[in-house]
Amino acid sequence: MEVEDFIADYYLTSKWQDMYRHGLQPVNGPKFWTFSDGDIIEAPPYKRPPGRPKGKARIKGVMESPKKRKKHPETKVSRKRREMHCGLCGEKGHNSRKCLHESEENRVKRKRIKEGLASEEAQACEETQASEYVQETQAQQEQGPSTRAQTSQPGSDD
């Protein structure tokens, strides 16, 4: 069996050449058409598609471009060709984390400082909270017993 056996004759070049050998004849205009008494064909009813509707696009001015283009596209640098610079040595091609010119000592120092700041802040916060608590308890002891427990509260039957 050949593949050509499964192809219809209408797709053969010789067939459509025979069809169009005499050329296309023009059709009379709509005022010469004959109308039938059958039903008028109408467009199908509109079905609202699911999802949020798209907003209507505003009519752009004559001098406004269809796309928002910059006047000077050559001044814009694409991300692909942007080269990073190191903050420590200023060279191209790497950033401060991967700087080869930075000594191991400086790298360790920066790490310690970063960790140290976090722990120092936590310690300072704990110390201030503790000192505030001590000051409150000392003030309460100097005042004596709480007067709130001695007064009767409204709504309670003593």
C-alpha atoms as a PDB file:
ATOM      1  CA  MET A   1       0.000   0.000   0.000  1.00  0.00           C
ATOM      2  CA  GLU A   2       1.173   3.477  -0.846  1.00  0.00           C
ATOM      3  CA  VAL A   3       0.514   6.706   1.024  1.00  0.00           C
ATOM      4  CA  GLU A   4      -0.837   8.229  -2.188  1.00  0.00           C
ATOM      5  CA  ASP A   5      -3.689   5.690  -2.131  1.00  0.00           C
ATOM      6  CA  PHE A   6      -5.170   7.399   0.938  1.00  0.00           C
ATOM      7  CA  ILE A   7      -5.085  10.961  -0.476  1.00  0.00           C
ATOM      8  CA  ALA A   8      -8.261  12.229  -2.152  1.00  0.00           C
ATOM      9  CA  ASP A   9      -8.111  13.190  -5.837  1.00  0.00           C
ATOM     10  CA  TYR A  10      -9.115  16.753  -4.992  1.00  0.00           C
ATOM     11  CA  TYR A  11      -5.639  17.427  -3.586  1.00  0.00           C
ATOM     12  CA  LEU A  12      -3.859  16.483  -6.799  1.00  0.00           C
ATOM     13  CA  THR A  13      -2.314  19.345  -8.740  1.00  0.00           C
ATOM     14  CA  SER A  14      -3.836  18.136 -11.991  1.00  0.00           C
ATOM     15  CA  LYS A  15      -7.348  18.285 -10.473  1.00  0.00           C
ATOM     16  CA  TRP A  16      -7.227  21.920  -9.390  1.00  0.00           C
ATOM     17  CA  GLN A  17      -5.482  22.941 -12.605  1.00  0.00           C
ATOM     18  CA  ASP A  18      -8.456  21.488 -14.523  1.00  0.00           C
ATOM     19  CA  MET A  19     -10.847  23.381 -12.243  1.00  0.00           C
ATOM     20  CA  TYR A  20      -9.269  26.798 -12.704  1.00  0.00           C
ATOM     21  CA  ARG A  21      -8.261  26.382 -16.381  1.00  0.00           C
ATOM     22  CA  HIS A  22     -11.001  28.738 -17.574  1.00  0.00           C
ATOM     23  CA  GLY A  23     -10.333  31.338 -14.844  1.00  0.00           C
ATOM     24  CA  LEU A  24     -12.655  32.833 -12.253  1.00  0.00           C
ATOM     25  CA  GLN A  25     -15.791  34.536 -13.520  1.00  0.00           C
ATOM     26  CA  PRO A  26     -16.918  37.712 -11.697  1.00  0.00           C
ATOM     27  CA  VAL A  27     -20.128  37.598  -9.648  1.00  0.00           C
ATOM     28  CA  ASN A  28     -22.898  40.193 -10.039  1.00  0.00           C
ATOM     29  CA  GLY A  29     -23.222  42.727  -7.180  1.00  0.00           C
ATOM     30  CA  PRO A  30     -25.631  42.361  -4.216  1.00  0.00           C
ATOM     31  CA  LYS A  31     -28.463  44.224  -5.952  1.00  0.00           C
ATOM     32  CA  PHE A  32     -28.610  41.437  -8.588  1.00  0.00           C
ATOM     33  CA  TRP A  33     -28.688  38.588  -6.063  1.00  0.00           C
ATOM     34  CA  THR A  34     -31.816  36.501  -5.708  1.00  0.00           C
ATOM     35  CA  PHE A  35     -33.258  36.227  -2.232  1.00  0.00           C
ATOM     36  CA  SER A  36     -34.777  33.042  -0.880  1.00  0.00           C
ATOM     37  CA  ASP A  37     -37.886  32.744   1.275  1.00  0.00           C
ATOM     38  CA  GLY A  38     -36.018  30.721   3.909  1.00  0.00           C
ATOM     39  CA  ASP A  39     -35.028  31.806   7.399  1.00  0.00           C
ATOM     40  CA  ILE A  40     -32.631  34.712   7.787  1.00  0.00           C
ATOM     41  CA  ILE A  41     -29.289  33.621   9.173  1.00  0.00           C
ATOM     42  CA  GLU A  42     -28.322  35.605  12.248  1.00  0.00           C
ATOM     43  CA  ALA A  43     -25.233  35.726  14.406  1.00  0.00           C
ATOM     44  CA  PRO A  44     -25.161  33.322  17.354  1.00  0.00           C
ATOM     45  CA  PRO A  45     -26.126  34.768  20.755  1.00  0.00           C
ATOM     46  CA  TYR A  46     -23.300  36.358  22.743  1.00  0.00           C
ATOM     47  CA  LYS A  47     -21.997  34.218  25.589  1.00  0.00           C
ATOM     48  CA  ARG A  48     -20.011  36.041  28.242  1.00  0.00           C
ATOM     49  CA  PRO A  49     -16.625  34.316  28.617  1.00  0.00           C
ATOM     50  CA  PRO A  50     -15.487  33.311  32.103  1.00  0.00           C
ATOM     51  CA  GLY A  51     -13.011  35.469  34.008  1.00  0.00           C
ATOM     52  CA  ARG A  52     -12.463  39.159  34.528  1.00  0.00           C
ATOM     53  CA  PRO A  53     -13.406  41.220  31.456  1.00  0.00           C
ATOM     54  CA  LYS A  54     -10.699  43.156  29.684  1.00  0.00           C
ATOM     55  CA  GLY A  55     -11.024  46.923  29.929  1.00  0.00           C
ATOM     56  CA  LYS A  56     -11.834  48.896  26.843  1.00  0.00           C
ATOM     57  CA  ALA A  57      -8.703  50.315  25.257  1.00  0.00           C
ATOM     58  CA  ARG A  58      -8.687  54.082  25.046  1.00  0.00           C
ATOM     59  CA  ILE A  59      -8.482  55.768  21.664  1.00  0.00           C
ATOM     60  CA  LYS A  60      -4.925  56.972  21.218  1.00  0.00           C
ATOM     61  CA  GLY A  61      -4.073  60.347  19.750  1.00  0.00           C
ATOM     62  CA  VAL A  62      -2.801  60.911  16.217  1.00  0.00           C
ATOM     63  CA  MET A  63       0.728  61.696  17.378  1.00  0.00           C
ATOM     64  CA  GLU A  64       0.763  58.871  19.945  1.00  0.00           C
ATOM     65  CA  SER A  65       2.496  55.685  18.945  1.00  0.00           C
ATOM     66  CA  PRO A  66       0.577  52.405  19.085  1.00  0.00           C
ATOM     67  CA  LYS A  67       3.179  50.965  21.441  1.00  0.00           C
ATOM     68  CA  LYS A  68       4.832  52.790  24.291  1.00  0.00           C
ATOM     69  CA  ARG A  69       8.285  53.194  22.806  1.00  0.00           C
ATOM     70  CA  LYS A  70      11.060  55.271  24.270  1.00  0.00           C
ATOM     71  CA  LYS A  71      12.381  58.114  22.147  1.00  0.00           C
ATOM     72  CA  HIS A  72      15.967  56.940  22.557  1.00  0.00           C
ATOM     73  CA  PRO A  73      15.988  53.132  22.803  1.00  0.00           C
ATOM     74  CA  GLU A  74      19.779  53.003  22.431  1.00  0.00           C
ATOM     75  CA  THR A  75      20.235  54.648  25.860  1.00  0.00           C
ATOM     76  CA  LYS A  76      18.462  51.801  27.622  1.00  0.00           C
ATOM     77  CA  VAL A  77      20.750  48.994  28.771  1.00  0.00           C
ATOM     78  CA  SER A  78      19.356  45.499  28.580  1.00  0.00           C
ATOM     79  CA  ARG A  79      19.853  43.083  31.449  1.00  0.00           C
ATOM     80  CA  LYS A  80      21.654  40.607  29.238  1.00  0.00           C
ATOM     81  CA  ARG A  81      24.608  42.878  28.561  1.00  0.00           C
ATOM     82  CA  ARG A  82      24.839  44.494  31.982  1.00  0.00           C
ATOM     83  CA  GLU A  83      28.037  43.640  33.831  1.00  0.00           C
ATOM     84  CA  MET A  84      28.132  43.695  37.594  1.00  0.00           C
ATOM     85  CA  HIS A  85      30.883  45.497  39.480  1.00  0.00           C
ATOM     86  CA  CYS A  86      32.376  44.528  42.814  1.00  0.00           C
ATOM     87  CA  GLY A  87      31.645  46.913  45.684  1.00  0.00           C
ATOM     88  CA  LEU A  88      35.004  46.181  47.330  1.00  0.00           C
ATOM     89  CA  CYS A  89      37.553  46.244  44.518  1.00  0.00           C
ATOM     90  CA  GLY A  90      35.476  47.894  41.754  1.00  0.00           C
ATOM     91  CA  GLU A  91      36.310  45.328  39.075  1.00  0.00           C
ATOM     92  CA  LYS A  92      33.820  43.980  36.534  1.00  0.00           C
ATOM     93  CA  GLY A  93      32.484  40.449  36.445  1.00  0.00           C
ATOM     94  CA  HIS A  94      31.784  39.683  40.101  1.00  0.00           C
ATOM     95  CA  ASN A  95      30.123  41.136  43.176  1.00  0.00           C
ATOM     96  CA  SER A  96      31.416  41.661  46.707  1.00  0.00           C
ATOM     97  CA  ARG A  97      30.425  38.166  47.858  1.00  0.00           C
ATOM     98  CA  LYS A  98      32.636  36.444  45.303  1.00  0.00           C
ATOM     99  CA  CYS A  99      35.481  38.966  45.403  1.00  0.00           C
ATOM    100  CA  LEU A 100      38.800  37.198  44.874  1.00  0.00           C
ATOM    101  CA  HIS A 101      40.827  40.204  46.004  1.00  0.00           C
ATOM    102  CA  GLU A 102      39.295  40.250  49.480  1.00  0.00           C
ATOM    103  CA  SER A 103      41.406  38.431  52.041  1.00  0.00           C
ATOM    104  CA  GLU A 104      39.986  35.571  54.072  1.00  0.00           C
ATOM    105  CA  GLU A 105      40.447  37.636  57.262  1.00  0.00           C
ATOM    106  CA  ASN A 106      38.195  40.420  56.013  1.00  0.00           C
ATOM    107  CA  ARG A 107      35.589  37.901  54.901  1.00  0.00           C
ATOM    108  CA  VAL A 108      35.544  36.277  58.357  1.00  0.00           C
ATOM    109  CA  LYS A 109      35.476  39.694  60.067  1.00  0.00           C
ATOM    110  CA  ARG A 110      32.458  40.783  58.035  1.00  0.00           C
ATOM    111  CA  LYS A 111      30.694  37.551  58.915  1.00  0.00           C
ATOM    112  CA  ARG A 112      31.456  37.964  62.634  1.00  0.00           C
ATOM    113  CA  ILE A 113      30.356  41.583  62.630  1.00  0.00           C
ATOM    114  CA  LYS A 114      27.107  40.646  60.925  1.00  0.00           C
ATOM    115  CA  GLU A 115      26.420  37.860  63.445  1.00  0.00           C
ATOM    116  CA  GLY A 116      27.647  39.987  66.360  1.00  0.00           C
ATOM    117  CA  LEU A 117      25.281  42.847  65.594  1.00  0.00           C
ATOM    118  CA  ALA A 118      22.287  40.562  65.716  1.00  0.00           C
ATOM    119  CA  SER A 119      23.312  38.992  69.035  1.00  0.00           C
ATOM    120  CA  GLU A 120      24.224  42.381  70.567  1.00  0.00           C
ATOM    121  CA  GLU A 121      20.842  43.811  69.609  1.00  0.00           C
ATOM    122  CA  ALA A 122      19.069  40.836  71.179  1.00  0.00           C
ATOM    123  CA  GLN A 123      21.124  41.183  74.378  1.00  0.00           C
ATOM    124  CA  ALA A 124      20.432  44.917  74.603  1.00  0.00           C
ATOM    125  CA  CYS A 125      16.710  44.307  74.178  1.00  0.00           C
ATOM    126  CA  GLU A 126      16.691  41.657  76.922  1.00  0.00           C
ATOM    127  CA  GLU A 127      18.666  43.911  79.292  1.00  0.00           C
ATOM    128  CA  THR A 128      16.276  46.852  78.856  1.00  0.00           C
ATOM    129  CA  GLN A 129      13.263  44.625  79.431  1.00  0.00           C
ATOM    130  CA  ALA A 130      14.834  43.169  82.569  1.00  0.00           C
ATOM    131  CA  SER A 131      15.772  46.609  83.967  1.00  0.00           C
ATOM    132  CA  GLU A 132      12.246  47.923  83.316  1.00  0.00           C
ATOM    133  CA  TYR A 133      10.763  44.942  85.183  1.00  0.00           C
ATOM    134  CA  VAL A 134      13.101  45.502  88.151  1.00  0.00           C
ATOM    135  CA  GLN A 135      12.194  49.203  88.301  1.00  0.00           C
ATOM    136  CA  GLU A 136       8.463  48.394  88.252  1.00  0.00           C
ATOM    137  CA  THR A 137       8.735  45.851  91.054  1.00  0.00           C
ATOM    138  CA  GLN A 138      10.820  48.246  93.183  1.00  0.00           C
ATOM    139  CA  ALA A 139       8.241  51.005  92.704  1.00  0.00           C
ATOM    140  CA  GLN A 140       5.432  48.657  93.728  1.00  0.00           C
ATOM    141  CA  GLN A 141       7.296  47.570  96.864  1.00  0.00           C
ATOM    142  CA  GLU A 142       7.897  51.193  97.912  1.00  0.00           C
ATOM    143  CA  GLN A 143       4.190  52.050  97.504  1.00  0.00           C
ATOM    144  CA  GLY A 144       3.114  49.178  99.665  1.00  0.00           C
ATOM    145  CA  PRO A 145       0.289  46.739  99.016  1.00  0.00           C
ATOM    146  CA  SER A 146      -1.916  47.357  96.046  1.00  0.00           C
ATOM    147  CA  THR A 147      -4.984  49.509  96.708  1.00  0.00           C
ATOM    148  CA  ARG A 148      -6.897  47.816  93.961  1.00  0.00           C
ATOM    149  CA  ALA A 149      -7.517  44.660  95.958  1.00  0.00           C
ATOM    150  CA  GLN A 150      -8.907  46.689  98.882  1.00  0.00           C
ATOM    151  CA  THR A 151     -11.528  48.659  96.950  1.00  0.00           C
ATOM    152  CA  SER A 152     -14.727  46.917  96.054  1.00  0.00           C
ATOM    153  CA  GLN A 153     -15.500  46.676  92.415  1.00  0.00           C
ATOM    154  CA  PRO A 154     -18.891  47.836  91.115  1.00  0.00           C
ATOM    155  CA  GLY A 155     -21.284  45.023  90.408  1.00  0.00           C
ATOM    156  CA  SER A 156     -19.772  42.660  92.986  1.00  0.00           C
ATOM    157  CA  ASP A 157     -21.668  41.899  96.184  1.00  0.00           C
ATOM    158  CA  ASP A 158     -19.377  42.036  99.273  1.00  0.00           C
END
